[in-house]
């Protein structure tokens, strides 16, 4: 909610402009739930090669980190314990965290 106040006037409430989530770049991950290899596909507008990634647990702790290579289209998650995780691209704040389930 957006608040505005003119001098001596009561507050007027007006709805804020919603964010259009369809414009956010999305990293697709599969399969979900995953066993040992998490495959991904990035939008053509976002090159991942050389970018750092972090896999976070639901508690916010870092489970693993790494750097995407040129031809990479999957990550090994074999050493992760079963649970819910988030994949975050460190250098690309416009890319939302992607959740996945490790079996």
N, C-alpha and C. Protein backbone atom coordinates (compact mmCIF):
# COMPACT_ATOMS: atom_id res chain seq x y z
N UNK A 1 0.85 -1.17 0.00
CA UNK A 1 0.00 0.00 0.00
C UNK A 1 0.90 1.23 0.00
N UNK A 2 0.59 2.17 -0.84
CA UNK A 2 1.33 3.42 -0.94
C UNK A 2 0.64 4.48 -0.09
N UNK A 3 1.40 5.13 0.79
CA UNK A 3 0.85 6.17 1.64
C UNK A 3 1.28 7.54 1.11
N UNK A 4 0.35 8.47 1.06
CA UNK A 4 0.71 9.83 0.69
C UNK A 4 -0.01 10.78 1.64
N UNK A 5 0.64 11.92 1.95
CA UNK A 5 0.02 12.86 2.88
C UNK A 5 0.38 14.27 2.44
N UNK A 6 -0.62 15.07 2.19
CA UNK A 6 -0.41 16.50 1.94
C UNK A 6 -0.39 17.19 3.30
N UNK A 7 0.17 18.36 3.37
CA UNK A 7 0.23 19.09 4.64
C UNK A 7 -1.17 19.30 5.21
N UNK A 8 -1.35 18.88 6.45
CA UNK A 8 -2.62 19.06 7.11
C UNK A 8 -3.72 18.14 6.63
N UNK A 9 -3.43 17.21 5.73
CA UNK A 9 -4.41 16.29 5.17
C UNK A 9 -4.25 14.91 5.81
N UNK A 10 -5.32 14.14 5.90
CA UNK A 10 -5.18 12.75 6.37
C UNK A 10 -4.48 11.91 5.30
N UNK A 11 -3.99 10.76 5.71
CA UNK A 11 -3.34 9.85 4.77
C UNK A 11 -4.37 9.30 3.79
N UNK A 12 -3.97 9.22 2.55
CA UNK A 12 -4.78 8.58 1.51
C UNK A 12 -4.09 7.28 1.13
N UNK A 13 -4.84 6.23 1.02
CA UNK A 13 -4.29 4.93 0.64
C UNK A 13 -4.59 4.68 -0.83
N UNK A 14 -3.57 4.22 -1.55
CA UNK A 14 -3.77 3.82 -2.94
C UNK A 14 -2.97 2.55 -3.19
N UNK A 15 -3.49 1.63 -3.99
CA UNK A 15 -2.77 0.37 -4.22
C UNK A 15 -1.47 0.62 -4.97
N UNK A 16 -0.44 -0.11 -4.59
CA UNK A 16 0.85 -0.02 -5.28
C UNK A 16 0.77 -0.76 -6.61
N UNK A 17 1.64 -0.41 -7.50
CA UNK A 17 1.69 -1.09 -8.79
C UNK A 17 2.24 -2.49 -8.59
N UNK A 18 1.54 -3.52 -9.02
CA UNK A 18 2.03 -4.88 -8.83
C UNK A 18 3.22 -5.17 -9.73
N UNK A 19 4.06 -6.08 -9.29
CA UNK A 19 5.19 -6.51 -10.10
C UNK A 19 4.70 -7.58 -11.07
N UNK A 20 5.07 -7.45 -12.32
CA UNK A 20 4.70 -8.44 -13.33
C UNK A 20 5.75 -9.54 -13.33
N UNK A 21 5.47 -10.63 -12.62
CA UNK A 21 6.44 -11.72 -12.50
C UNK A 21 6.71 -12.42 -13.83
N UNK A 22 5.89 -12.21 -14.82
CA UNK A 22 6.13 -12.85 -16.11
C UNK A 22 7.33 -12.24 -16.81
N UNK A 23 7.80 -11.07 -16.37
CA UNK A 23 8.96 -10.44 -16.99
C UNK A 23 10.27 -10.86 -16.34
N UNK A 24 10.20 -11.55 -15.19
CA UNK A 24 11.41 -11.99 -14.52
C UNK A 24 12.01 -13.19 -15.26
N UNK A 25 13.34 -13.21 -15.43
CA UNK A 25 13.95 -14.37 -16.06
C UNK A 25 13.81 -15.58 -15.13
N UNK A 26 13.59 -16.73 -15.70
CA UNK A 26 13.39 -17.93 -14.90
C UNK A 26 14.37 -19.00 -15.34
N UNK A 27 15.06 -19.55 -14.37
CA UNK A 27 15.93 -20.69 -14.58
C UNK A 27 15.08 -21.94 -14.36
N UNK A 28 14.96 -22.76 -15.38
CA UNK A 28 14.16 -23.98 -15.26
C UNK A 28 15.06 -25.11 -14.77
N UNK A 29 14.59 -25.82 -13.74
CA UNK A 29 15.34 -26.97 -13.22
C UNK A 29 14.45 -28.21 -13.28
N UNK A 30 15.08 -29.33 -13.54
CA UNK A 30 14.37 -30.60 -13.63
C UNK A 30 15.36 -31.74 -13.44
N UNK A 31 14.95 -32.92 -13.05
CA UNK A 31 13.63 -33.25 -12.51
C UNK A 31 13.47 -32.66 -11.11
N UNK A 32 12.26 -32.55 -10.71
CA UNK A 32 11.98 -32.04 -9.38
C UNK A 32 10.83 -32.83 -8.81
N UNK A 33 11.05 -33.72 -7.88
CA UNK A 33 12.24 -33.94 -7.07
C UNK A 33 13.40 -34.56 -7.87
N UNK A 34 14.62 -34.35 -7.36
CA UNK A 34 15.83 -34.77 -8.04
C UNK A 34 16.53 -35.85 -7.22
N UNK A 35 17.22 -36.73 -7.94
CA UNK A 35 18.02 -37.77 -7.29
C UNK A 35 19.46 -37.33 -7.15
N UNK A 36 20.23 -37.46 -8.25
CA UNK A 36 21.66 -37.14 -8.20
C UNK A 36 22.08 -36.00 -9.11
N UNK A 37 21.39 -35.79 -10.24
CA UNK A 37 21.76 -34.73 -11.19
C UNK A 37 20.60 -33.78 -11.37
N UNK A 38 20.83 -32.51 -11.10
CA UNK A 38 19.84 -31.47 -11.31
C UNK A 38 20.16 -30.79 -12.64
N UNK A 39 19.27 -30.91 -13.60
CA UNK A 39 19.47 -30.31 -14.91
C UNK A 39 18.82 -28.92 -14.91
N UNK A 40 19.34 -28.03 -15.72
CA UNK A 40 18.79 -26.69 -15.76
C UNK A 40 18.85 -26.12 -17.17
N UNK A 41 17.99 -25.14 -17.39
CA UNK A 41 17.94 -24.41 -18.65
C UNK A 41 17.72 -22.95 -18.31
N UNK A 42 18.63 -22.10 -18.76
CA UNK A 42 18.53 -20.66 -18.51
C UNK A 42 17.90 -19.98 -19.71
N UNK A 43 17.26 -18.83 -19.48
CA UNK A 43 16.75 -18.06 -20.62
C UNK A 43 17.89 -17.66 -21.54
N UNK A 44 17.61 -17.53 -22.81
CA UNK A 44 18.65 -17.18 -23.78
C UNK A 44 19.28 -15.83 -23.47
N UNK A 45 18.58 -14.97 -22.75
CA UNK A 45 19.10 -13.65 -22.40
C UNK A 45 20.07 -13.68 -21.23
N UNK A 46 20.23 -14.83 -20.58
CA UNK A 46 21.10 -14.95 -19.40
C UNK A 46 22.11 -16.06 -19.60
N UNK A 47 23.35 -15.70 -19.85
CA UNK A 47 24.43 -16.68 -19.95
C UNK A 47 24.93 -17.01 -18.55
N UNK A 48 25.07 -18.30 -18.25
CA UNK A 48 25.49 -18.72 -16.92
C UNK A 48 26.98 -19.00 -16.82
N UNK A 49 27.65 -19.23 -17.94
CA UNK A 49 29.07 -19.58 -17.91
C UNK A 49 29.86 -18.53 -17.15
N UNK A 50 30.66 -18.99 -16.18
CA UNK A 50 31.48 -18.10 -15.38
C UNK A 50 30.79 -17.49 -14.18
N UNK A 51 29.49 -17.70 -14.05
CA UNK A 51 28.76 -17.13 -12.92
C UNK A 51 28.78 -18.11 -11.74
N UNK A 52 28.81 -17.55 -10.55
CA UNK A 52 28.80 -18.34 -9.33
C UNK A 52 27.36 -18.70 -8.95
N UNK A 53 27.21 -19.88 -8.40
CA UNK A 53 25.91 -20.30 -7.89
C UNK A 53 26.08 -20.76 -6.44
N UNK A 54 24.98 -20.74 -5.72
CA UNK A 54 24.94 -21.26 -4.36
C UNK A 54 23.69 -22.09 -4.22
N UNK A 55 23.81 -23.20 -3.54
CA UNK A 55 22.65 -24.02 -3.18
C UNK A 55 22.47 -23.84 -1.68
N UNK A 56 21.28 -23.35 -1.32
CA UNK A 56 20.97 -23.03 0.07
C UNK A 56 19.92 -23.98 0.62
N UNK A 57 20.04 -24.32 1.89
CA UNK A 57 19.01 -25.10 2.56
C UNK A 57 17.88 -24.19 2.99
N UNK A 58 16.79 -24.77 3.47
CA UNK A 58 15.65 -23.96 3.90
C UNK A 58 15.99 -23.08 5.10
N UNK A 59 17.06 -23.43 5.82
CA UNK A 59 17.49 -22.61 6.95
C UNK A 59 18.35 -21.43 6.51
N UNK A 60 18.61 -21.31 5.20
CA UNK A 60 19.41 -20.22 4.67
C UNK A 60 20.90 -20.50 4.64
N UNK A 61 21.31 -21.62 5.17
CA UNK A 61 22.73 -21.97 5.16
C UNK A 61 23.15 -22.48 3.79
N UNK A 62 24.37 -22.17 3.43
CA UNK A 62 24.90 -22.60 2.14
C UNK A 62 25.27 -24.08 2.21
N UNK A 63 24.69 -24.87 1.32
CA UNK A 63 24.99 -26.30 1.25
C UNK A 63 26.18 -26.55 0.33
N UNK A 64 26.25 -25.81 -0.75
CA UNK A 64 27.36 -25.93 -1.69
C UNK A 64 27.41 -24.70 -2.59
N UNK A 65 28.59 -24.42 -3.13
CA UNK A 65 28.78 -23.31 -4.06
C UNK A 65 29.61 -23.80 -5.24
N UNK A 66 29.57 -23.05 -6.32
CA UNK A 66 30.37 -23.42 -7.48
C UNK A 66 30.28 -22.36 -8.56
N UNK A 67 30.90 -22.65 -9.69
CA UNK A 67 30.90 -21.76 -10.84
C UNK A 67 30.43 -22.57 -12.05
N UNK A 68 29.49 -22.02 -12.81
CA UNK A 68 29.02 -22.68 -14.02
C UNK A 68 30.11 -22.67 -15.08
N UNK A 69 30.28 -23.78 -15.77
CA UNK A 69 31.24 -23.84 -16.87
C UNK A 69 30.51 -23.59 -18.19
N UNK A 70 31.27 -23.51 -19.28
CA UNK A 70 30.71 -23.18 -20.60
C UNK A 70 29.62 -24.13 -21.07
N UNK A 71 29.87 -25.40 -21.05
CA UNK A 71 28.94 -26.38 -21.61
C UNK A 71 28.06 -27.05 -20.55
N UNK A 72 28.09 -26.54 -19.36
CA UNK A 72 27.38 -27.18 -18.25
C UNK A 72 25.88 -26.96 -18.35
N UNK A 73 25.12 -28.06 -18.16
CA UNK A 73 23.67 -27.95 -18.10
C UNK A 73 23.08 -28.80 -16.99
N UNK A 74 23.96 -29.22 -16.04
CA UNK A 74 23.48 -29.95 -14.87
C UNK A 74 24.46 -29.78 -13.71
N UNK A 75 23.95 -30.02 -12.52
CA UNK A 75 24.75 -29.97 -11.30
C UNK A 75 24.58 -31.27 -10.54
N UNK A 76 25.66 -31.76 -9.98
CA UNK A 76 25.56 -32.94 -9.12
C UNK A 76 25.06 -32.51 -7.75
N UNK A 77 23.99 -33.14 -7.31
CA UNK A 77 23.45 -32.88 -5.97
C UNK A 77 23.46 -34.17 -5.15
N UNK A 78 24.28 -35.14 -5.59
CA UNK A 78 24.32 -36.46 -4.96
C UNK A 78 24.71 -36.39 -3.49
N UNK A 79 25.55 -35.43 -3.10
CA UNK A 79 26.01 -35.36 -1.71
C UNK A 79 25.05 -34.62 -0.79
N UNK A 80 24.01 -34.00 -1.34
CA UNK A 80 23.04 -33.30 -0.50
C UNK A 80 22.13 -34.28 0.23
N UNK A 81 21.79 -33.95 1.46
CA UNK A 81 20.83 -34.76 2.21
C UNK A 81 19.44 -34.49 1.65
N UNK A 82 18.51 -35.44 1.78
CA UNK A 82 17.14 -35.19 1.31
C UNK A 82 16.54 -33.96 1.99
N UNK A 83 15.82 -33.16 1.19
CA UNK A 83 15.19 -31.97 1.73
C UNK A 83 14.89 -30.96 0.64
N UNK A 84 14.52 -29.76 1.06
CA UNK A 84 14.20 -28.67 0.14
C UNK A 84 15.40 -27.73 0.07
N UNK A 85 15.74 -27.33 -1.15
CA UNK A 85 16.89 -26.47 -1.38
C UNK A 85 16.52 -25.36 -2.35
N UNK A 86 17.38 -24.33 -2.40
CA UNK A 86 17.21 -23.21 -3.32
C UNK A 86 18.49 -23.02 -4.10
N UNK A 87 18.37 -22.88 -5.42
CA UNK A 87 19.50 -22.57 -6.29
C UNK A 87 19.47 -21.08 -6.55
N UNK A 88 20.60 -20.41 -6.25
CA UNK A 88 20.68 -18.96 -6.43
C UNK A 88 21.88 -18.64 -7.32
N UNK A 89 21.66 -17.77 -8.31
CA UNK A 89 22.74 -17.27 -9.15
C UNK A 89 23.27 -16.02 -8.45
N UNK A 90 24.50 -16.06 -7.98
CA UNK A 90 25.03 -15.00 -7.13
C UNK A 90 25.12 -13.67 -7.87
N UNK A 91 25.62 -13.65 -9.10
CA UNK A 91 25.82 -12.39 -9.82
C UNK A 91 24.59 -11.87 -10.55
N UNK A 92 23.48 -12.56 -10.47
CA UNK A 92 22.31 -12.15 -11.23
C UNK A 92 21.11 -11.98 -10.29
N UNK A 93 21.01 -10.81 -9.63
CA UNK A 93 19.91 -10.61 -8.67
C UNK A 93 18.53 -10.58 -9.32
N UNK A 94 18.46 -10.40 -10.65
CA UNK A 94 17.15 -10.40 -11.31
C UNK A 94 16.60 -11.81 -11.45
N UNK A 95 17.46 -12.81 -11.31
CA UNK A 95 17.03 -14.20 -11.42
C UNK A 95 16.55 -14.66 -10.04
N UNK A 96 15.28 -15.03 -9.93
CA UNK A 96 14.78 -15.47 -8.61
C UNK A 96 15.41 -16.79 -8.19
N UNK A 97 15.45 -17.03 -6.86
CA UNK A 97 15.93 -18.32 -6.36
C UNK A 97 14.95 -19.39 -6.82
N UNK A 98 15.49 -20.53 -7.22
CA UNK A 98 14.67 -21.63 -7.70
C UNK A 98 14.72 -22.75 -6.66
N UNK A 99 13.55 -23.19 -6.24
CA UNK A 99 13.49 -24.25 -5.24
C UNK A 99 13.45 -25.62 -5.92
N UNK A 100 14.03 -26.59 -5.23
CA UNK A 100 13.95 -27.97 -5.69
C UNK A 100 14.00 -28.90 -4.49
N UNK A 101 13.54 -30.12 -4.69
CA UNK A 101 13.50 -31.12 -3.64
C UNK A 101 14.53 -32.19 -3.95
N UNK A 102 15.40 -32.48 -2.99
CA UNK A 102 16.37 -33.57 -3.13
C UNK A 102 15.78 -34.80 -2.47
N UNK A 103 15.69 -35.89 -3.21
CA UNK A 103 15.14 -37.14 -2.65
C UNK A 103 16.18 -37.86 -1.82
